[in-house]
Amino acid sequence: MEFLKEPGRIYHVNSQGQVDAEVTFPLDSQGAANINHTFVDESLRGGGVAGQLLAEAAKELRAQGLKARPTCSYAARWFEKHPEEKDLLAE
């Protein structure tokens, strides 16, 4: 699946031009990326799309030298399941 990227957002658009998967991570007041929203349309659920979104977000944050603050429940669980990415977490 190919994702589109813009500052603070990674997403996928379906053939009808609608966003069917996205993760948002605006910078907070301390300069960390607040991963505050993960969405996957019902038509894509169960296929690992949310995990792919978070992996892409982690890659993007690492490339930019940013830390993450996961406030979205899915993102928090994703980081728990991926200890190799815990160095990205803001203190």
C-alpha atoms as a PDB file:
ATOM      1  CA  MET A   1       0.000   0.000   0.000  1.00  0.00           C
ATOM      2  CA  GLU A   2       1.367   3.389  -0.957  1.00  0.00           C
ATOM      3  CA  PHE A   3       0.936   6.199   1.553  1.00  0.00           C
ATOM      4  CA  LEU A   4       0.872   9.927   0.945  1.00  0.00           C
ATOM      5  CA  LYS A   5       2.798  12.183   3.311  1.00  0.00           C
ATOM      6  CA  GLU A   6       2.505  15.763   4.446  1.00  0.00           C
ATOM      7  CA  PRO A   7       3.833  17.443   7.580  1.00  0.00           C
ATOM      8  CA  GLY A   8       2.261  15.735  10.590  1.00  0.00           C
ATOM      9  CA  ARG A   9       0.174  13.305   8.554  1.00  0.00           C
ATOM     10  CA  ILE A  10       0.530  10.039   6.636  1.00  0.00           C
ATOM     11  CA  TYR A  11      -2.514   8.723   4.805  1.00  0.00           C
ATOM     12  CA  HIS A  12      -3.971   6.611   2.010  1.00  0.00           C
ATOM     13  CA  VAL A  13      -6.612   7.656  -0.498  1.00  0.00           C
ATOM     14  CA  ASN A  14      -8.851   5.042  -2.113  1.00  0.00           C
ATOM     15  CA  SER A  15      -9.891   4.900  -5.772  1.00  0.00           C
ATOM     16  CA  GLN A  16     -12.871   7.160  -5.012  1.00  0.00           C
ATOM     17  CA  GLY A  17     -10.561   9.861  -3.671  1.00  0.00           C
ATOM     18  CA  GLN A  18     -11.525   9.338  -0.023  1.00  0.00           C
ATOM     19  CA  VAL A  19      -9.080   8.987   2.853  1.00  0.00           C
ATOM     20  CA  ASP A  20      -9.420   5.420   4.079  1.00  0.00           C
ATOM     21  CA  ALA A  21      -6.416   5.286   6.425  1.00  0.00           C
ATOM     22  CA  GLU A  22      -4.386   7.914   8.261  1.00  0.00           C
ATOM     23  CA  VAL A  23      -2.210   8.737  11.207  1.00  0.00           C
ATOM     24  CA  THR A  24      -1.739  12.312  12.399  1.00  0.00           C
ATOM     25  CA  PHE A  25       1.158  13.605  14.493  1.00  0.00           C
ATOM     26  CA  PRO A  26       1.317  17.391  14.855  1.00  0.00           C
ATOM     27  CA  LEU A  27       4.145  18.879  16.885  1.00  0.00           C
ATOM     28  CA  ASP A  28       3.261  19.726  20.470  1.00  0.00           C
ATOM     29  CA  SER A  29       4.462  22.722  22.474  1.00  0.00           C
ATOM     30  CA  GLN A  30       7.682  20.894  23.442  1.00  0.00           C
ATOM     31  CA  GLY A  31       8.546  19.986  19.842  1.00  0.00           C
ATOM     32  CA  ALA A  32       7.574  16.323  20.020  1.00  0.00           C
ATOM     33  CA  ALA A  33       5.220  14.712  17.525  1.00  0.00           C
ATOM     34  CA  ASN A  34       1.891  14.065  19.237  1.00  0.00           C
ATOM     35  CA  ILE A  35       0.595  10.895  17.564  1.00  0.00           C
ATOM     36  CA  ASN A  36      -3.012  11.734  18.323  1.00  0.00           C
ATOM     37  CA  HIS A  37      -5.109   9.900  15.738  1.00  0.00           C
ATOM     38  CA  THR A  38      -5.011   6.631  13.834  1.00  0.00           C
ATOM     39  CA  PHE A  39      -7.861   5.743  11.492  1.00  0.00           C
ATOM     40  CA  VAL A  40      -8.432   2.759   9.207  1.00  0.00           C
ATOM     41  CA  ASP A  41     -11.676   2.337   7.298  1.00  0.00           C
ATOM     42  CA  GLU A  42     -13.650  -0.854   7.972  1.00  0.00           C
ATOM     43  CA  SER A  43     -12.895  -2.065   4.447  1.00  0.00           C
ATOM     44  CA  LEU A  44      -9.172  -2.234   5.314  1.00  0.00           C
ATOM     45  CA  ARG A  45      -9.293  -3.462   8.895  1.00  0.00           C
ATOM     46  CA  GLY A  46      -7.566  -6.697   9.790  1.00  0.00           C
ATOM     47  CA  GLY A  47      -4.892  -6.280   7.143  1.00  0.00           C
ATOM     48  CA  GLY A  48      -2.220  -4.616   9.242  1.00  0.00           C
ATOM     49  CA  VAL A  49      -2.753  -1.172   7.730  1.00  0.00           C
ATOM     50  CA  ALA A  50      -2.690   0.648  11.084  1.00  0.00           C
ATOM     51  CA  GLY A  51       0.631  -0.986  11.907  1.00  0.00           C
ATOM     52  CA  GLN A  52       2.005   0.035   8.516  1.00  0.00           C
ATOM     53  CA  LEU A  53       0.915   3.619   9.181  1.00  0.00           C
ATOM     54  CA  LEU A  54       2.692   3.670  12.547  1.00  0.00           C
ATOM     55  CA  ALA A  55       5.822   2.109  11.072  1.00  0.00           C
ATOM     56  CA  GLU A  56       5.863   4.819   8.390  1.00  0.00           C
ATOM     57  CA  ALA A  57       5.311   7.512  11.017  1.00  0.00           C
ATOM     58  CA  ALA A  58       8.190   6.127  13.100  1.00  0.00           C
ATOM     59  CA  LYS A  59      10.438   6.105  10.027  1.00  0.00           C
ATOM     60  CA  GLU A  60       9.456   9.696   9.203  1.00  0.00           C
ATOM     61  CA  LEU A  61      10.034  10.915  12.772  1.00  0.00           C
ATOM     62  CA  ARG A  62      13.407   9.189  12.926  1.00  0.00           C
ATOM     63  CA  ALA A  63      14.437  10.771   9.626  1.00  0.00           C
ATOM     64  CA  GLN A  64      13.468  14.203  10.966  1.00  0.00           C
ATOM     65  CA  GLY A  65      15.186  13.660  14.323  1.00  0.00           C
ATOM     66  CA  LEU A  66      11.890  14.063  16.202  1.00  0.00           C
ATOM     67  CA  LYS A  67      10.569  12.337  19.297  1.00  0.00           C
ATOM     68  CA  ALA A  68       7.034  10.945  19.599  1.00  0.00           C
ATOM     69  CA  ARG A  69       4.361  11.342  22.232  1.00  0.00           C
ATOM     70  CA  PRO A  70       1.651   8.748  21.455  1.00  0.00           C
ATOM     71  CA  THR A  71      -1.672   9.970  22.871  1.00  0.00           C
ATOM     72  CA  CYS A  72      -3.764   7.823  20.525  1.00  0.00           C
ATOM     73  CA  SER A  73      -4.499   4.479  22.216  1.00  0.00           C
ATOM     74  CA  TYR A  74      -3.519   2.472  19.138  1.00  0.00           C
ATOM     75  CA  ALA A  75      -0.191   4.300  18.840  1.00  0.00           C
ATOM     76  CA  ALA A  76       0.565   3.736  22.533  1.00  0.00           C
ATOM     77  CA  ARG A  77      -0.079  -0.023  22.125  1.00  0.00           C
ATOM     78  CA  TRP A  78       1.997  -0.097  18.928  1.00  0.00           C
ATOM     79  CA  PHE A  79       5.016   1.329  20.736  1.00  0.00           C
ATOM     80  CA  GLU A  80       4.547  -1.226  23.543  1.00  0.00           C
ATOM     81  CA  LYS A  81       4.643  -4.019  20.956  1.00  0.00           C
ATOM     82  CA  HIS A  82       7.680  -2.557  19.161  1.00  0.00           C
ATOM     83  CA  PRO A  83      10.393  -2.045  21.784  1.00  0.00           C
ATOM     84  CA  GLU A  84      12.932  -1.450  18.995  1.00  0.00           C
ATOM     85  CA  GLU A  85      11.191   1.907  18.407  1.00  0.00           C
ATOM     86  CA  LYS A  86      11.021   3.031  22.049  1.00  0.00           C
ATOM     87  CA  ASP A  87      14.021   5.320  21.580  1.00  0.00           C
ATOM     88  CA  LEU A  88      11.654   7.577  19.629  1.00  0.00           C
ATOM     89  CA  LEU A  89       9.467   8.216  22.673  1.00  0.00           C
ATOM     90  CA  ALA A  90       9.677  11.624  24.299  1.00  0.00           C
ATOM     91  CA  GLU A  91      10.277  11.631  28.024  1.00  0.00           C
END
